[in-house]
Amino acid sequence: MLQNGNRSALLGRKLGMSQVWDENGFFVPVTLVDVSTNVVTVVKSDESDGYKAVQLGYGQIDPTKVTKPLAGHFAKAGVTPRRHLVEVRTDSAESFEPGQELTAEVFPEGVEVDVTGTTKGKGFAGTIKRWGFKSYRRTHGSHKNERRPGSVGACATPSRILKGKRMAGRMGHDTLTVQNLTVISSDVENGVLAIKGAVPGPKGGIVLVRTAVKGA
């Protein structure tokens, strides 16, 4: 089990949402995450790197599509090339070795996890969509101002726009972590976790599943 203190970690791909029944007969919304191809590619130690960490590889990729440095990196570990890599610091790095596979059994049913992913990108958005501003009324001579942000500064003191002003701009495509989600089921054979609730990102997005820091 890959641990950071008492925390475990796996890379996965969001398959989408589904639903299951609990013991009381109620629907429980779950997110399905594929974690079937996790493998250890590098083990770092205090002696060689100055800190302890384990690098995980996830996702198959055509060997002809990786660069020569990466091809050598995977060959040294004795594994086939992987599409995604992530480094996880852990106090128990010495208990792992390159080429070791990690399965869904790392997260048994009932354990709480934190899931980190990249949110959906919304492009350039106005203040109403991005920050939830209230719009103006569309009557009595508003002159199509209903979705404009209005005044943003003053002519004197401070005579400038302060940093952090909520204005139009790029929205989404941010790294987001949702904490304290419960693993409803752990399918080791198929390498799929069913996690209660929603996790960041679109269907097919890459996520990092870790044991909940508040419960570690």
Protein backbone atom coordinates (compact mmCIF):
# COMPACT_ATOMS: atom_id res chain seq x y z
CA MET A 1 0.00 0.00 0.00
CA LEU A 2 1.43 3.35 -1.10
CA GLN A 3 1.33 5.67 1.89
CA ASN A 4 2.12 9.29 2.71
CA GLY A 5 2.22 8.94 6.48
CA ASN A 6 -1.01 6.92 6.66
CA ARG A 7 -2.30 7.95 3.20
CA SER A 8 -2.56 5.79 0.10
CA ALA A 9 -2.69 6.98 -3.53
CA LEU A 10 -3.68 5.77 -7.00
CA LEU A 11 -4.02 7.42 -10.40
CA GLY A 12 -7.24 6.81 -12.27
CA ARG A 13 -9.55 7.85 -15.09
CA LYS A 14 -13.07 9.13 -14.47
CA LEU A 15 -15.47 6.79 -16.29
CA GLY A 16 -18.64 8.70 -15.45
CA MET A 17 -21.43 8.57 -12.89
CA SER A 18 -23.80 5.79 -11.94
CA GLN A 19 -25.98 4.83 -9.00
CA VAL A 20 -26.26 1.97 -6.52
CA TRP A 21 -28.73 1.00 -3.81
CA ASP A 22 -27.79 1.18 -0.14
CA GLU A 23 -28.99 -1.18 2.60
CA ASN A 24 -32.11 0.95 3.07
CA GLY A 25 -33.12 0.78 -0.58
CA PHE A 26 -32.15 4.36 -1.44
CA PHE A 27 -30.25 5.39 -4.57
CA VAL A 28 -26.66 6.50 -3.93
CA PRO A 29 -24.97 8.51 -6.74
CA VAL A 30 -21.44 7.26 -7.39
CA THR A 31 -18.55 8.16 -9.69
CA LEU A 32 -16.76 5.24 -11.34
CA VAL A 33 -12.96 5.57 -11.53
CA ASP A 34 -10.73 3.15 -13.43
CA VAL A 35 -7.47 2.46 -11.52
CA SER A 36 -6.50 -0.75 -13.31
CA THR A 37 -3.02 -0.01 -14.66
CA ASN A 38 -1.09 1.64 -11.82
CA VAL A 39 2.56 0.65 -11.66
CA VAL A 40 5.60 1.91 -9.75
CA THR A 41 8.11 3.49 -12.16
CA VAL A 42 10.59 5.14 -9.76
CA VAL A 43 11.42 4.83 -6.07
CA LYS A 44 13.24 7.83 -4.57
CA SER A 45 15.19 7.77 -1.32
CA ASP A 46 16.93 10.20 1.03
CA GLU A 47 20.34 8.90 -0.05
CA SER A 48 19.90 9.40 -3.80
CA ASP A 49 17.32 12.19 -4.04
CA GLY A 50 17.13 13.89 -0.67
CA TYR A 51 13.55 12.83 -0.02
CA LYS A 52 11.34 9.75 -0.12
CA ALA A 53 8.79 9.38 -2.89
CA VAL A 54 7.27 6.91 -5.32
CA GLN A 55 6.40 7.71 -8.93
CA LEU A 56 3.28 6.05 -10.32
CA GLY A 57 2.52 5.41 -13.97
CA TYR A 58 -1.00 4.98 -15.35
CA GLY A 59 -2.61 4.38 -18.74
CA GLN A 60 -1.35 2.47 -21.75
CA ILE A 61 0.32 4.27 -24.65
CA ASP A 62 1.88 3.14 -27.93
CA PRO A 63 5.66 2.75 -27.28
CA THR A 64 6.37 4.52 -30.58
CA LYS A 65 4.70 7.68 -29.23
CA VAL A 66 7.03 8.28 -26.29
CA THR A 67 10.31 10.20 -26.45
CA LYS A 68 13.61 8.38 -26.16
CA PRO A 69 14.35 9.76 -22.66
CA LEU A 70 10.96 8.53 -21.44
CA ALA A 71 11.42 5.20 -23.20
CA GLY A 72 14.67 4.73 -21.31
CA HIS A 73 12.96 5.81 -18.10
CA PHE A 74 10.33 3.08 -18.45
CA ALA A 75 12.84 0.49 -19.65
CA LYS A 76 14.93 1.06 -16.51
CA ALA A 77 11.86 0.34 -14.40
CA GLY A 78 11.07 -2.75 -16.46
CA VAL A 79 7.55 -1.62 -17.39
CA THR A 80 5.73 -0.78 -20.59
CA PRO A 81 5.35 2.96 -21.31
CA ARG A 82 2.58 4.75 -19.42
CA ARG A 83 0.69 7.84 -20.54
CA HIS A 84 0.45 9.59 -17.15
CA LEU A 85 2.93 9.97 -14.30
CA VAL A 86 2.58 11.35 -10.79
CA GLU A 87 4.97 11.49 -7.85
CA VAL A 88 3.68 10.83 -4.34
CA ARG A 89 5.81 11.49 -1.29
CA THR A 90 5.72 8.63 1.20
CA ASP A 91 7.55 7.58 4.33
CA SER A 92 7.46 3.94 3.23
CA ALA A 93 9.13 4.31 -0.18
CA GLU A 94 11.68 1.61 0.62
CA SER A 95 8.88 -0.99 0.72
CA PHE A 96 8.26 -0.52 -3.03
CA GLU A 97 10.25 -1.48 -6.10
CA PRO A 98 10.10 -0.43 -9.76
CA GLY A 99 7.67 -2.52 -11.77
CA GLN A 100 5.38 -3.26 -8.82
CA GLU A 101 1.69 -3.10 -9.71
CA LEU A 102 -0.91 -1.49 -7.45
CA THR A 103 -4.58 -2.46 -7.69
CA ALA A 104 -7.94 -1.22 -6.44
CA GLU A 105 -7.51 -3.19 -3.22
CA VAL A 106 -5.48 -0.20 -1.95
CA PHE A 107 -8.88 1.41 -1.24
CA PRO A 108 -11.27 -1.09 0.37
CA GLU A 109 -14.98 -0.49 0.65
CA GLY A 110 -15.93 2.13 3.24
CA VAL A 111 -12.67 4.09 3.29
CA GLU A 112 -12.81 7.87 2.87
CA VAL A 113 -10.73 9.46 0.08
CA ASP A 114 -9.74 12.84 -1.34
CA VAL A 115 -9.99 13.07 -5.15
CA THR A 116 -7.99 15.64 -7.12
CA GLY A 117 -8.77 16.46 -10.74
CA THR A 118 -8.94 19.28 -13.30
CA THR A 119 -12.31 21.00 -13.57
CA LYS A 120 -14.06 21.55 -16.89
CA GLY A 121 -12.81 24.61 -18.76
CA LYS A 122 -15.51 27.20 -19.52
CA GLY A 123 -13.41 29.58 -21.59
CA PHE A 124 -13.67 33.37 -21.24
CA ALA A 125 -16.69 34.09 -19.04
CA GLY A 126 -18.38 37.28 -17.87
CA THR A 127 -18.90 38.32 -14.29
CA ILE A 128 -22.40 36.87 -14.03
CA LYS A 129 -21.36 33.37 -15.05
CA ARG A 130 -17.94 33.46 -13.41
CA TRP A 131 -18.82 35.09 -10.08
CA GLY A 132 -22.59 34.92 -9.84
CA PHE A 133 -23.18 38.67 -10.14
CA LYS A 134 -26.77 39.85 -10.31
CA SER A 135 -27.89 41.22 -13.68
CA TYR A 136 -29.64 44.54 -14.28
CA ARG A 137 -33.30 44.73 -15.25
CA ARG A 138 -34.09 44.76 -18.95
CA THR A 139 -36.67 47.56 -18.87
CA HIS A 140 -36.90 51.35 -18.46
CA GLY A 141 -33.94 52.39 -20.55
CA SER A 142 -31.25 49.99 -19.36
CA HIS A 143 -29.62 50.16 -22.83
CA LYS A 144 -28.48 46.50 -22.89
CA ASN A 145 -26.49 46.88 -19.69
CA GLU A 146 -28.06 43.90 -17.96
CA ARG A 147 -24.93 41.69 -18.17
CA ARG A 148 -22.25 44.35 -17.86
CA PRO A 149 -20.19 44.49 -14.65
CA GLY A 150 -20.76 48.20 -13.96
CA SER A 151 -18.20 50.52 -12.38
CA VAL A 152 -14.92 48.87 -11.39
CA GLY A 153 -12.83 51.72 -9.96
CA ALA A 154 -12.76 55.28 -8.70
CA CYS A 155 -11.23 58.43 -10.15
CA ALA A 156 -9.36 59.10 -6.89
CA THR A 157 -8.16 57.05 -3.93
CA PRO A 158 -6.95 54.56 -4.91
CA SER A 159 -7.27 55.57 -8.59
CA ARG A 160 -6.58 52.04 -9.74
CA ILE A 161 -8.06 48.55 -9.84
CA LEU A 162 -7.16 46.57 -6.74
CA LYS A 163 -5.74 43.08 -7.19
CA GLY A 164 -8.32 40.36 -6.84
CA LYS A 165 -11.15 42.40 -8.32
CA ARG A 166 -13.85 40.02 -9.53
CA MET A 167 -14.01 40.65 -13.27
CA ALA A 168 -14.51 38.73 -16.49
CA GLY A 169 -11.82 36.24 -17.40
CA ARG A 170 -10.90 32.60 -17.92
CA MET A 171 -13.16 30.25 -15.99
CA GLY A 172 -12.57 26.63 -15.07
CA HIS A 173 -9.68 24.28 -15.95
CA ASP A 174 -8.40 24.53 -12.38
CA THR A 175 -6.97 21.86 -10.10
CA LEU A 176 -9.61 21.00 -7.51
CA THR A 177 -9.71 18.53 -4.63
CA VAL A 178 -12.96 17.16 -3.19
CA GLN A 179 -12.43 15.78 0.30
CA ASN A 180 -13.98 13.05 2.40
CA LEU A 181 -15.71 11.00 -0.30
CA THR A 182 -16.59 7.40 0.58
CA VAL A 183 -15.59 4.37 -1.49
CA ILE A 184 -18.85 2.45 -1.97
CA SER A 185 -17.27 -0.52 -3.73
CA SER A 186 -13.81 -1.65 -4.83
CA ASP A 187 -13.79 -4.00 -7.84
CA VAL A 188 -10.27 -5.44 -7.81
CA GLU A 189 -10.89 -7.78 -10.75
CA ASN A 190 -11.95 -4.97 -13.11
CA GLY A 191 -9.87 -2.24 -11.43
CA VAL A 192 -12.82 0.09 -10.79
CA LEU A 193 -13.64 2.18 -7.72
CA ALA A 194 -17.19 3.41 -7.07
CA ILE A 195 -16.88 6.65 -5.08
CA LYS A 196 -19.93 8.27 -3.49
CA GLY A 197 -20.70 11.70 -4.97
CA ALA A 198 -19.14 13.72 -7.78
CA VAL A 199 -15.44 14.26 -8.47
CA PRO A 200 -13.79 17.08 -10.45
CA GLY A 201 -13.37 16.99 -14.20
CA PRO A 202 -15.13 15.65 -17.29
CA LYS A 203 -15.73 12.04 -18.23
CA GLY A 204 -12.37 10.57 -19.23
CA GLY A 205 -10.39 13.03 -17.08
CA ILE A 206 -7.41 11.92 -15.00
CA VAL A 207 -7.84 12.02 -11.22
CA LEU A 208 -5.62 11.28 -8.22
CA VAL A 209 -7.32 9.30 -5.45
CA ARG A 210 -5.76 9.56 -1.98
CA THR A 211 -6.81 8.52 1.50
CA ALA A 212 -8.65 11.43 3.15
CA VAL A 213 -6.13 13.70 4.88
CA LYS A 214 -8.64 14.58 7.60
CA GLY A 215 -9.13 10.93 8.40
CA ALA A 216 -5.48 9.84 8.08
